[in-house]
Amino acid sequence: MTLLDRLIHPDERVALFIDGANLYSAAKGLTFDIDYRKLLDEFKQHGRFIRAYYYTALVEDQDFSPIRPLVDWLDYNGYTLVTKPAKEYTDANGRRRFKGDMDVEIAVDLLQAASYIDHAFLFSGDGDFVAAIEAVQRKGMRVSVISTIKSNPPMASDEIRRAADDFIDLADLGNLIGRPPRERGGDVRTPHHED
């Protein structure tokens, strides 16, 4: 019996809410890559799988975006993509940076899903989600948070771990949904995701 077998009742309606940048950072901290095909296949085997949402900001007007191949692959392979343009800014050292926080989109979708989902798996360790988690729990939804405290620094806040019905360390799913980091130029199915 796997960890997911113990967490998901066969009759539960299940959905995934993946904070792309947060999951990428957590996996990078654990030194493995996420195999998004394996991730989707694993969750489809449990409960009544409804949908997998993947949230990320995209840099517009760039000749090449390192995340574009991943986003395109996910879009064609069973994920529901939620994107918005990243905002450009200049940091204190004068370097060009991009920011694209998807917290509001994830929180709104979690709240809307409470009417048709029994169990949400939130792939993020961001404590900003505590209010949204508590709101959907009051509507009867179970929320399992997937992130890590085994990286340095830990990616999951104490607040989100306390608010979740279950906390699953991403390291414990590595053999189900991960693979060792690739060498440069690997397969396009799951390219590296940049923050």
Foldseek 3Di string as FASTA:
>chain_A
DAPLQVVFDQAFEEEEEEAPQLLLVQCVLVQWFFQVVLVVVVPVVGHPYDAYEYEDEDAPPDPDDQCVLQVVLCVVRGHHYDYHHWDWDADPVRDIDTHDDCVVVSLVVLLVCLVPGAEYEYAFQDLVCLVSLVNSVVSRHAYEYEGAVPGVNGGHDPNVCVSHPHYDYVVSCCVRTIDHDDDPPDDSNGGRDDD
